[in-house]
Structure formats: structure tokens, C-alpha cells
Amino acid sequence: DQSPLKEFSMTSFYETKDGKPAPQFSLKEIEVNRGDRVRLNITNTRGAHDFKIDEYNIYADTPLDTAVTVEFTADTAGEFVYYCTKPGHRAAGQWGVLRVVGQ
């Protein structure tokens, strides 16, 4: 019995705002059902970034211009922040919310 697969793609990059680098993920929100298998395809298009979700013990380095796939089962309901761990990136806005709904 295979759980449904939910697949998402996002880019990791930075843009310049007011003369300062502003690191970002292109996808700010992901919603899945509890029990879904989740596949995230992350491509870093500019800068040095990574990807982390503390509560799911997920960490992936995302080298420039390389598609990185992260897969896990969303077995805990709630809202979880995903973010880049590079110094200052999360504070500058490089984060999003994984929402896992269901009992």
C-alpha cells in the first residue's frame, strides 16, 4: 500500500534589494496530508544555500546549478519551517512553511 506521492519543485537563489543580498526560496508554502510521501526537487540557481527541516531531521546541501531531491514521509501533523542554514539567510527571508494536515 503506497502512500500518495506529493512532488514539489523550488529554486534557491538570492536577489539584491536595497543593495543587499536577499536569499530566497521560490516556494514559500508546501501543504501535504499526513502520511503522504513528499518529494522536493530543489535547484540552487544563484549563491550558496542548503535546505533544512529540523523536526524531520532533514538536511541537504544544494550545490549551484544541481538539482537535489529530498524525500520523506510526512508522518507528523503541524507546521514546520524549512530554511537555509547559511549565516544570515533565514533572518533575511530564506525560509518557508511545510504544512502537514490530518490526524
N, C-alpha and C. Protein backbone atom coordinates (compact mmCIF):
# COMPACT_ATOMS: atom_id res chain seq x y z
N ASP A 1 0.85 -1.19 0.00
CA ASP A 1 0.00 0.00 0.00
C ASP A 1 0.88 1.24 0.00
N GLN A 2 0.97 1.88 -1.14
CA GLN A 2 1.82 3.05 -1.26
C GLN A 2 1.06 4.31 -0.85
N SER A 3 1.69 5.12 -0.03
CA SER A 3 1.12 6.42 0.31
C SER A 3 1.19 7.31 -0.93
N PRO A 4 0.26 8.28 -1.02
CA PRO A 4 0.31 9.20 -2.17
C PRO A 4 1.64 9.97 -2.17
N LEU A 5 2.14 10.22 -3.37
CA LEU A 5 3.37 10.99 -3.52
C LEU A 5 3.00 12.42 -3.92
N LYS A 6 3.50 13.37 -3.15
CA LYS A 6 3.31 14.79 -3.47
C LYS A 6 4.68 15.33 -3.85
N GLU A 7 4.77 15.86 -5.07
CA GLU A 7 6.06 16.33 -5.57
C GLU A 7 6.03 17.84 -5.79
N PHE A 8 7.09 18.51 -5.36
CA PHE A 8 7.19 19.96 -5.49
C PHE A 8 8.59 20.30 -5.99
N SER A 9 8.67 21.38 -6.75
CA SER A 9 9.97 21.88 -7.20
C SER A 9 10.13 23.33 -6.76
N MET A 10 11.33 23.66 -6.37
CA MET A 10 11.61 25.05 -5.99
C MET A 10 13.04 25.39 -6.35
N THR A 11 13.29 26.68 -6.44
CA THR A 11 14.66 27.13 -6.64
C THR A 11 15.10 27.88 -5.38
N SER A 12 16.39 27.87 -5.18
CA SER A 12 17.05 28.56 -4.08
C SER A 12 17.96 29.57 -4.74
N PHE A 13 17.89 30.82 -4.33
CA PHE A 13 18.63 31.87 -5.04
C PHE A 13 18.75 33.10 -4.15
N TYR A 14 19.38 34.14 -4.68
CA TYR A 14 19.30 35.42 -3.98
C TYR A 14 19.09 36.51 -5.01
N GLU A 15 18.46 37.57 -4.56
CA GLU A 15 18.32 38.76 -5.38
C GLU A 15 18.87 39.92 -4.55
N THR A 16 19.04 41.05 -5.17
CA THR A 16 19.57 42.21 -4.45
C THR A 16 18.44 43.19 -4.20
N LYS A 17 18.25 43.54 -2.93
CA LYS A 17 17.25 44.52 -2.54
C LYS A 17 17.94 45.61 -1.74
N ASP A 18 17.77 46.85 -2.17
CA ASP A 18 18.40 47.98 -1.48
C ASP A 18 19.90 47.77 -1.31
N GLY A 19 20.52 47.18 -2.33
CA GLY A 19 21.97 46.99 -2.31
C GLY A 19 22.45 45.83 -1.45
N LYS A 20 21.50 45.08 -0.85
CA LYS A 20 21.88 43.95 0.00
C LYS A 20 21.36 42.66 -0.61
N PRO A 21 22.12 41.56 -0.45
CA PRO A 21 21.63 40.28 -0.96
C PRO A 21 20.40 39.82 -0.16
N ALA A 22 19.42 39.31 -0.87
CA ALA A 22 18.20 38.81 -0.24
C ALA A 22 17.98 37.37 -0.68
N PRO A 23 18.49 36.40 0.11
CA PRO A 23 18.32 34.99 -0.25
C PRO A 23 16.87 34.55 -0.12
N GLN A 24 16.44 33.67 -1.01
CA GLN A 24 15.03 33.26 -1.06
C GLN A 24 14.89 31.81 -1.50
N PHE A 25 13.75 31.22 -1.16
CA PHE A 25 13.25 30.02 -1.82
C PHE A 25 12.10 30.48 -2.70
N SER A 26 11.94 29.90 -3.88
CA SER A 26 10.84 30.30 -4.76
C SER A 26 9.50 29.83 -4.22
N LEU A 27 9.50 28.78 -3.41
CA LEU A 27 8.26 28.22 -2.86
C LEU A 27 8.23 28.53 -1.36
N LYS A 28 7.22 29.32 -0.95
CA LYS A 28 7.14 29.78 0.43
C LYS A 28 6.23 28.90 1.29
N GLU A 29 5.44 28.05 0.66
CA GLU A 29 4.50 27.24 1.41
C GLU A 29 4.27 25.92 0.69
N ILE A 30 4.28 24.84 1.45
CA ILE A 30 4.02 23.50 0.92
C ILE A 30 2.96 22.88 1.82
N GLU A 31 1.90 22.35 1.23
CA GLU A 31 0.88 21.68 2.04
C GLU A 31 0.68 20.26 1.56
N VAL A 32 0.73 19.33 2.50
CA VAL A 32 0.52 17.92 2.20
C VAL A 32 -0.36 17.32 3.30
N ASN A 33 -0.83 16.11 3.06
CA ASN A 33 -1.60 15.39 4.07
C ASN A 33 -0.67 14.50 4.88
N ARG A 34 -1.01 14.31 6.14
CA ARG A 34 -0.23 13.41 6.99
C ARG A 34 -0.21 12.03 6.36
N GLY A 35 0.97 11.43 6.30
CA GLY A 35 1.13 10.12 5.69
C GLY A 35 1.58 10.17 4.24
N ASP A 36 1.49 11.35 3.60
CA ASP A 36 1.97 11.49 2.22
C ASP A 36 3.48 11.30 2.17
N ARG A 37 3.93 10.73 1.07
CA ARG A 37 5.36 10.78 0.76
C ARG A 37 5.59 12.12 0.06
N VAL A 38 6.63 12.80 0.45
CA VAL A 38 6.92 14.13 -0.09
C VAL A 38 8.25 14.08 -0.82
N ARG A 39 8.26 14.58 -2.05
CA ARG A 39 9.49 14.68 -2.82
C ARG A 39 9.69 16.16 -3.18
N LEU A 40 10.79 16.72 -2.72
CA LEU A 40 11.13 18.11 -3.01
C LEU A 40 12.33 18.13 -3.95
N ASN A 41 12.18 18.80 -5.08
CA ASN A 41 13.28 18.98 -6.02
C ASN A 41 13.75 20.42 -5.88
N ILE A 42 14.96 20.58 -5.39
CA ILE A 42 15.49 21.91 -5.07
C ILE A 42 16.68 22.19 -5.97
N THR A 43 16.64 23.30 -6.68
CA THR A 43 17.76 23.70 -7.53
C THR A 43 18.26 25.08 -7.10
N ASN A 44 19.52 25.15 -6.74
CA ASN A 44 20.16 26.41 -6.37
C ASN A 44 20.63 27.09 -7.65
N THR A 45 20.05 28.25 -7.95
CA THR A 45 20.39 28.93 -9.20
C THR A 45 21.34 30.12 -9.01
N ARG A 46 21.52 30.56 -7.74
CA ARG A 46 22.42 31.69 -7.52
C ARG A 46 22.80 31.76 -6.05
N GLY A 47 24.10 31.71 -5.78
CA GLY A 47 24.58 31.81 -4.40
C GLY A 47 24.92 30.46 -3.81
N ALA A 48 25.12 30.44 -2.48
CA ALA A 48 25.45 29.22 -1.74
C ALA A 48 24.35 28.99 -0.72
N HIS A 49 23.66 27.85 -0.84
CA HIS A 49 22.50 27.59 0.00
C HIS A 49 22.43 26.11 0.40
N ASP A 50 21.56 25.83 1.39
CA ASP A 50 21.23 24.47 1.73
C ASP A 50 19.75 24.44 2.13
N PHE A 51 19.31 23.29 2.65
CA PHE A 51 17.88 23.12 2.96
C PHE A 51 17.76 22.29 4.23
N LYS A 52 16.93 22.77 5.18
CA LYS A 52 16.82 22.06 6.46
C LYS A 52 15.40 22.14 6.99
N ILE A 53 14.93 21.01 7.55
CA ILE A 53 13.70 20.97 8.33
C ILE A 53 14.07 20.27 9.64
N ASP A 54 14.14 21.03 10.71
CA ASP A 54 14.61 20.48 11.99
C ASP A 54 13.78 19.30 12.46
N GLU A 55 12.45 19.45 12.46
CA GLU A 55 11.57 18.44 13.07
C GLU A 55 11.60 17.11 12.33
N TYR A 56 11.99 17.11 11.06
CA TYR A 56 12.08 15.87 10.29
C TYR A 56 13.52 15.39 10.12
N ASN A 57 14.45 16.07 10.80
CA ASN A 57 15.87 15.72 10.70
C ASN A 57 16.34 15.65 9.25
N ILE A 58 15.92 16.64 8.48
CA ILE A 58 16.29 16.69 7.06
C ILE A 58 17.31 17.80 6.86
N TYR A 59 18.40 17.44 6.20
CA TYR A 59 19.38 18.44 5.80
C TYR A 59 19.92 18.03 4.44
N ALA A 60 20.01 18.99 3.53
CA ALA A 60 20.60 18.72 2.22
C ALA A 60 21.41 19.92 1.78
N ASP A 61 22.64 19.66 1.35
CA ASP A 61 23.42 20.72 0.73
C ASP A 61 22.88 20.87 -0.69
N THR A 62 22.84 22.11 -1.18
CA THR A 62 22.31 22.34 -2.53
C THR A 62 23.36 23.08 -3.37
N PRO A 63 24.26 22.32 -3.99
CA PRO A 63 25.31 22.94 -4.81
C PRO A 63 24.71 23.72 -5.99
N LEU A 64 25.42 24.73 -6.42
CA LEU A 64 24.97 25.60 -7.50
C LEU A 64 24.66 24.80 -8.77
N ASP A 65 23.51 25.11 -9.38
CA ASP A 65 23.09 24.52 -10.66
C ASP A 65 22.99 22.99 -10.63
N THR A 66 22.66 22.44 -9.47
CA THR A 66 22.50 20.99 -9.34
C THR A 66 21.13 20.72 -8.71
N ALA A 67 20.32 19.89 -9.35
CA ALA A 67 19.02 19.53 -8.77
C ALA A 67 19.24 18.52 -7.65
N VAL A 68 18.74 18.84 -6.47
CA VAL A 68 18.86 17.96 -5.30
C VAL A 68 17.45 17.51 -4.92
N THR A 69 17.28 16.20 -4.70
CA THR A 69 15.97 15.66 -4.33
C THR A 69 15.98 15.24 -2.87
N VAL A 70 14.98 15.71 -2.14
CA VAL A 70 14.79 15.34 -0.74
C VAL A 70 13.47 14.58 -0.67
N GLU A 71 13.47 13.38 -0.08
CA GLU A 71 12.24 12.60 0.05
C GLU A 71 12.04 12.19 1.49
N PHE A 72 10.80 12.27 1.96
CA PHE A 72 10.48 11.84 3.31
C PHE A 72 8.98 11.58 3.39
N THR A 73 8.56 10.92 4.46
CA THR A 73 7.14 10.71 4.72
C THR A 73 6.69 11.72 5.76
N ALA A 74 5.63 12.45 5.44
CA ALA A 74 5.10 13.48 6.34
C ALA A 74 4.26 12.80 7.41
N ASP A 75 4.92 12.25 8.42
CA ASP A 75 4.21 11.43 9.41
C ASP A 75 3.80 12.20 10.67
N THR A 76 4.15 13.48 10.73
CA THR A 76 3.78 14.30 11.88
C THR A 76 3.00 15.52 11.38
N ALA A 77 1.79 15.70 11.93
CA ALA A 77 0.98 16.85 11.52
C ALA A 77 1.50 18.12 12.21
N GLY A 78 1.30 19.24 11.54
CA GLY A 78 1.70 20.51 12.11
C GLY A 78 2.29 21.42 11.05
N GLU A 79 2.87 22.52 11.51
CA GLU A 79 3.55 23.47 10.62
C GLU A 79 5.02 23.47 10.98
N PHE A 80 5.85 23.30 9.96
CA PHE A 80 7.29 23.17 10.16
C PHE A 80 8.00 24.13 9.22
N VAL A 81 8.96 24.85 9.76
CA VAL A 81 9.71 25.81 8.94
C VAL A 81 10.85 25.09 8.24
N TYR A 82 10.96 25.32 6.92
CA TYR A 82 12.17 24.88 6.21
C TYR A 82 12.97 26.13 5.91
N TYR A 83 14.30 25.99 5.92
CA TYR A 83 15.12 27.19 5.79
C TYR A 83 16.53 26.84 5.33
N CYS A 84 17.26 27.87 4.95
CA CYS A 84 18.67 27.75 4.62
C CYS A 84 19.48 28.05 5.88
N THR A 85 20.48 27.20 6.17
CA THR A 85 21.27 27.38 7.40
C THR A 85 22.47 28.31 7.21
N LYS A 86 22.71 28.79 6.00
CA LYS A 86 23.87 29.66 5.78
C LYS A 86 23.71 30.93 6.63
N PRO A 87 24.81 31.47 7.15
CA PRO A 87 24.73 32.60 8.07
C PRO A 87 23.90 33.76 7.50
N GLY A 88 22.88 34.16 8.26
CA GLY A 88 22.06 35.30 7.88
C GLY A 88 20.94 35.03 6.90
N HIS A 89 20.93 33.86 6.25
CA HIS A 89 19.95 33.62 5.19
C HIS A 89 18.52 33.50 5.72
N ARG A 90 18.34 32.73 6.81
CA ARG A 90 16.99 32.59 7.36
C ARG A 90 16.47 33.95 7.83
N ALA A 91 17.33 34.70 8.51
CA ALA A 91 16.94 36.02 9.01
C ALA A 91 16.58 36.96 7.86
N ALA A 92 17.22 36.77 6.70
CA ALA A 92 16.97 37.62 5.54
C ALA A 92 15.75 37.19 4.74
N GLY A 93 15.11 36.07 5.15
CA GLY A 93 13.88 35.67 4.49
C GLY A 93 13.91 34.36 3.73
N GLN A 94 15.03 33.63 3.81
CA GLN A 94 15.10 32.36 3.07
C GLN A 94 14.54 31.23 3.92
N TRP A 95 13.21 31.18 3.97
CA TRP A 95 12.51 30.15 4.70
C TRP A 95 11.10 30.02 4.16
N GLY A 96 10.45 28.93 4.50
CA GLY A 96 9.07 28.70 4.10
C GLY A 96 8.43 27.76 5.11
N VAL A 97 7.15 27.45 4.88
CA VAL A 97 6.40 26.63 5.83
C VAL A 97 5.90 25.35 5.15
N LEU A 98 6.23 24.21 5.77
CA LEU A 98 5.66 22.93 5.38
C LEU A 98 4.47 22.70 6.30
N ARG A 99 3.26 22.61 5.71
CA ARG A 99 2.05 22.38 6.49
C ARG A 99 1.59 20.96 6.24
N VAL A 100 1.53 20.16 7.31
CA VAL A 100 1.09 18.78 7.21
C VAL A 100 -0.28 18.69 7.91
N VAL A 101 -1.32 18.40 7.14
CA VAL A 101 -2.68 18.41 7.69
C VAL A 101 -3.22 16.99 7.84
N GLY A 102 -4.08 16.80 8.81
CA GLY A 102 -4.67 15.49 9.04
C GLY A 102 -4.41 15.01 10.44
N GLN A 103 -5.08 13.93 10.80
CA GLN A 103 -4.97 13.38 12.16
C GLN A 103 -3.79 12.45 12.27
